[in-house]
């Protein structure tokens, strides 16, 4: 009986092929939607970060000295 189960597939290949293809299409669509959502979120975060940096560089603000100290610590060449 074990040898018979090893030879016979769970579903005949002509029937299982369309289910396998459908599963791959669904998986591809889910990954594509996920990547699109992450790209939209990244774009929004970059835009908001740019707006915050513009607000931080207001007139009369000495943020340039602080920013360079944060980016390049003392002794860095």
N, C-alpha and C. Protein backbone atom coordinates (compact mmCIF):
# COMPACT_ATOMS: atom_id res chain seq x y z
N UNK A 1 0.82 -1.19 0.00
CA UNK A 1 0.00 0.00 0.00
C UNK A 1 0.86 1.26 0.00
N UNK A 2 1.99 1.26 0.77
CA UNK A 2 2.88 2.42 0.83
C UNK A 2 3.51 2.72 -0.51
N UNK A 3 3.86 1.69 -1.27
CA UNK A 3 4.46 1.89 -2.58
C UNK A 3 3.45 2.49 -3.55
N UNK A 4 2.19 2.11 -3.41
CA UNK A 4 1.14 2.64 -4.28
C UNK A 4 0.93 4.13 -4.01
N UNK A 5 0.96 4.54 -2.74
CA UNK A 5 0.80 5.96 -2.41
C UNK A 5 1.99 6.79 -2.88
N UNK A 6 3.17 6.21 -2.89
CA UNK A 6 4.35 6.93 -3.35
C UNK A 6 4.30 7.18 -4.85
N UNK A 7 3.66 6.29 -5.60
CA UNK A 7 3.60 6.41 -7.05
C UNK A 7 2.48 7.35 -7.48
N UNK A 8 1.34 7.31 -6.82
CA UNK A 8 0.18 8.12 -7.21
C UNK A 8 0.23 9.50 -6.54
N UNK A 9 0.06 10.56 -7.32
CA UNK A 9 0.03 11.89 -6.71
C UNK A 9 -1.30 12.11 -5.97
N UNK A 10 -1.35 13.12 -5.11
CA UNK A 10 -2.57 13.42 -4.35
C UNK A 10 -3.71 13.79 -5.30
N UNK A 11 -3.42 14.60 -6.29
CA UNK A 11 -4.39 14.95 -7.32
C UNK A 11 -3.77 14.63 -8.67
N UNK A 12 -4.55 14.26 -9.62
CA UNK A 12 -3.98 14.09 -10.95
C UNK A 12 -3.35 15.40 -11.42
N UNK A 13 -2.24 15.30 -12.12
CA UNK A 13 -1.49 16.50 -12.48
C UNK A 13 -2.28 17.46 -13.36
N UNK A 14 -3.15 16.97 -14.20
CA UNK A 14 -3.91 17.88 -15.05
C UNK A 14 -4.92 18.69 -14.23
N UNK A 15 -5.34 18.19 -13.08
CA UNK A 15 -6.24 18.95 -12.20
C UNK A 15 -5.46 19.84 -11.24
N UNK A 16 -4.34 19.37 -10.75
CA UNK A 16 -3.59 20.12 -9.74
C UNK A 16 -2.86 21.32 -10.35
N UNK A 17 -2.54 21.26 -11.61
CA UNK A 17 -1.78 22.34 -12.25
C UNK A 17 -2.46 23.68 -12.15
N UNK A 18 -3.76 23.71 -12.36
CA UNK A 18 -4.45 25.00 -12.29
C UNK A 18 -4.52 25.53 -10.86
N UNK A 19 -4.55 24.65 -9.87
CA UNK A 19 -4.55 25.11 -8.48
C UNK A 19 -3.19 25.66 -8.08
N UNK A 20 -2.14 25.01 -8.54
CA UNK A 20 -0.79 25.49 -8.26
C UNK A 20 -0.56 26.84 -8.94
N UNK A 21 -0.97 26.97 -10.18
CA UNK A 21 -0.82 28.24 -10.89
C UNK A 21 -1.63 29.34 -10.20
N UNK A 22 -2.83 29.00 -9.77
CA UNK A 22 -3.66 29.98 -9.05
C UNK A 22 -3.03 30.41 -7.74
N UNK A 23 -2.43 29.47 -7.03
CA UNK A 23 -1.76 29.81 -5.77
C UNK A 23 -0.57 30.74 -6.02
N UNK A 24 0.19 30.49 -7.08
CA UNK A 24 1.32 31.36 -7.40
C UNK A 24 0.83 32.76 -7.79
N UNK A 25 -0.26 32.85 -8.54
CA UNK A 25 -0.80 34.16 -8.93
C UNK A 25 -1.25 34.93 -7.69
N UNK A 26 -1.94 34.27 -6.77
CA UNK A 26 -2.39 34.93 -5.54
C UNK A 26 -1.19 35.39 -4.72
N UNK A 27 -0.19 34.54 -4.57
CA UNK A 27 1.00 34.90 -3.80
C UNK A 27 1.71 36.09 -4.44
N UNK A 28 1.85 36.08 -5.75
CA UNK A 28 2.49 37.19 -6.45
C UNK A 28 1.71 38.49 -6.25
N UNK A 29 0.39 38.41 -6.32
CA UNK A 29 -0.44 39.60 -6.12
C UNK A 29 -0.28 40.15 -4.70
N UNK A 30 -0.24 39.27 -3.71
CA UNK A 30 -0.08 39.72 -2.33
C UNK A 30 1.28 40.40 -2.13
N UNK A 31 2.33 39.83 -2.69
CA UNK A 31 3.67 40.43 -2.57
C UNK A 31 3.70 41.77 -3.30
N UNK A 32 3.10 41.85 -4.46
CA UNK A 32 3.06 43.09 -5.23
C UNK A 32 2.31 44.18 -4.47
N UNK A 33 1.19 43.85 -3.86
CA UNK A 33 0.43 44.82 -3.08
C UNK A 33 1.24 45.28 -1.87
N UNK A 34 1.93 44.34 -1.20
CA UNK A 34 2.75 44.69 -0.04
C UNK A 34 3.87 45.66 -0.43
N UNK A 35 4.55 45.39 -1.54
CA UNK A 35 5.63 46.27 -1.98
C UNK A 35 5.09 47.65 -2.35
N UNK A 36 3.93 47.71 -2.99
CA UNK A 36 3.34 49.00 -3.33
C UNK A 36 2.98 49.79 -2.08
N UNK A 37 2.42 49.14 -1.08
CA UNK A 37 2.07 49.82 0.17
C UNK A 37 3.33 50.34 0.85
N UNK A 38 4.39 49.55 0.90
CA UNK A 38 5.64 49.99 1.53
C UNK A 38 6.26 51.16 0.76
N UNK A 39 6.16 51.17 -0.56
CA UNK A 39 6.69 52.28 -1.35
C UNK A 39 5.92 53.56 -1.08
N UNK A 40 4.60 53.45 -0.95
CA UNK A 40 3.78 54.62 -0.65
C UNK A 40 4.13 55.16 0.73
N UNK A 41 4.28 54.27 1.71
CA UNK A 41 4.62 54.70 3.06
C UNK A 41 6.00 55.36 3.10
N UNK A 42 6.97 54.80 2.37
CA UNK A 42 8.31 55.37 2.33
C UNK A 42 8.30 56.76 1.71
N UNK A 43 7.55 56.94 0.64
CA UNK A 43 7.45 58.24 -0.01
C UNK A 43 6.85 59.26 0.94
N UNK A 44 5.79 58.87 1.65
CA UNK A 44 5.14 59.78 2.59
C UNK A 44 6.10 60.15 3.73
N UNK A 45 6.84 59.17 4.24
CA UNK A 45 7.77 59.46 5.33
C UNK A 45 8.91 60.38 4.87
N UNK A 46 9.41 60.17 3.66
CA UNK A 46 10.46 61.05 3.14
C UNK A 46 9.95 62.47 2.98
N UNK A 47 8.72 62.62 2.50
CA UNK A 47 8.13 63.95 2.34
C UNK A 47 7.97 64.64 3.70
N UNK A 48 7.46 63.90 4.69
CA UNK A 48 7.27 64.48 6.02
C UNK A 48 8.62 64.81 6.66
N UNK A 49 9.63 63.98 6.45
CA UNK A 49 10.95 64.26 6.98
C UNK A 49 11.52 65.53 6.35
N UNK A 50 11.32 65.70 5.05
CA UNK A 50 11.76 66.93 4.38
C UNK A 50 11.08 68.16 4.95
N UNK A 51 9.78 68.04 5.23
CA UNK A 51 9.05 69.17 5.82
C UNK A 51 9.58 69.48 7.21
N UNK A 52 9.87 68.45 8.00
CA UNK A 52 10.41 68.67 9.34
C UNK A 52 11.79 69.31 9.29
N UNK A 53 12.61 68.89 8.33
CA UNK A 53 13.94 69.50 8.19
C UNK A 53 13.83 70.95 7.78
N UNK A 54 12.87 71.29 6.92
CA UNK A 54 12.66 72.70 6.54
C UNK A 54 12.21 73.52 7.75
N UNK A 55 11.34 72.96 8.57
CA UNK A 55 10.90 73.66 9.77
C UNK A 55 12.04 73.84 10.76
N UNK A 56 12.92 72.86 10.85
CA UNK A 56 14.05 72.94 11.78
C UNK A 56 15.07 73.97 11.33
N UNK A 57 15.16 74.25 10.04
CA UNK A 57 16.11 75.23 9.51
C UNK A 57 15.46 76.59 9.38
N UNK A 58 14.70 76.98 10.37
CA UNK A 58 14.03 78.27 10.37
C UNK A 58 15.02 79.41 10.51
N UNK A 59 14.57 80.67 10.28
CA UNK A 59 15.46 81.83 10.39
C UNK A 59 15.89 82.06 11.85
N UNK A 60 17.16 82.44 12.03
CA UNK A 60 17.67 82.73 13.36
C UNK A 60 17.94 81.48 14.18
N UNK A 61 17.81 80.35 13.58
CA UNK A 61 18.04 79.09 14.30
C UNK A 61 19.48 78.68 14.09
N UNK A 62 20.13 78.22 15.15
CA UNK A 62 21.52 77.79 15.06
C UNK A 62 21.60 76.27 14.93
N UNK A 63 20.69 75.71 14.16
CA UNK A 63 20.65 74.26 14.03
C UNK A 63 21.76 73.72 13.15
N UNK A 64 22.38 74.57 12.34
CA UNK A 64 23.45 74.11 11.48
C UNK A 64 24.63 73.58 12.26
N UNK A 65 24.96 74.27 13.36
CA UNK A 65 26.07 73.81 14.19
C UNK A 65 25.72 72.49 14.87
N UNK A 66 24.50 72.37 15.35
CA UNK A 66 24.08 71.13 15.99
C UNK A 66 24.04 70.00 14.99
N UNK A 67 23.55 70.29 13.79
CA UNK A 67 23.43 69.24 12.78
C UNK A 67 24.79 68.72 12.38
N UNK A 68 25.76 69.62 12.20
CA UNK A 68 27.09 69.15 11.81
C UNK A 68 27.75 68.39 12.95
N UNK A 69 27.45 68.75 14.20
CA UNK A 69 28.01 68.02 15.33
C UNK A 69 27.40 66.63 15.42
N UNK A 70 26.14 66.49 15.02
CA UNK A 70 25.51 65.19 15.07
C UNK A 70 25.99 64.28 13.94
N UNK A 71 26.20 64.85 12.79
CA UNK A 71 26.61 64.07 11.64
C UNK A 71 28.08 63.72 11.73
N UNK A 72 28.93 64.69 12.10
CA UNK A 72 30.37 64.47 12.15
C UNK A 72 30.84 64.73 13.57
N UNK A 73 31.05 63.69 14.35
CA UNK A 73 31.54 63.90 15.72
C UNK A 73 32.96 64.44 15.70
N UNK A 74 33.39 64.98 16.84
CA UNK A 74 34.73 65.56 16.92
C UNK A 74 35.78 64.51 16.58
N UNK A 75 36.80 64.94 15.87
CA UNK A 75 37.88 64.04 15.50
C UNK A 75 37.62 63.27 14.22
N UNK A 76 36.44 63.40 13.65
CA UNK A 76 36.11 62.70 12.41
C UNK A 76 36.66 63.48 11.24
N UNK A 77 37.31 62.80 10.32
CA UNK A 77 37.88 63.49 9.16
C UNK A 77 37.24 63.01 7.90
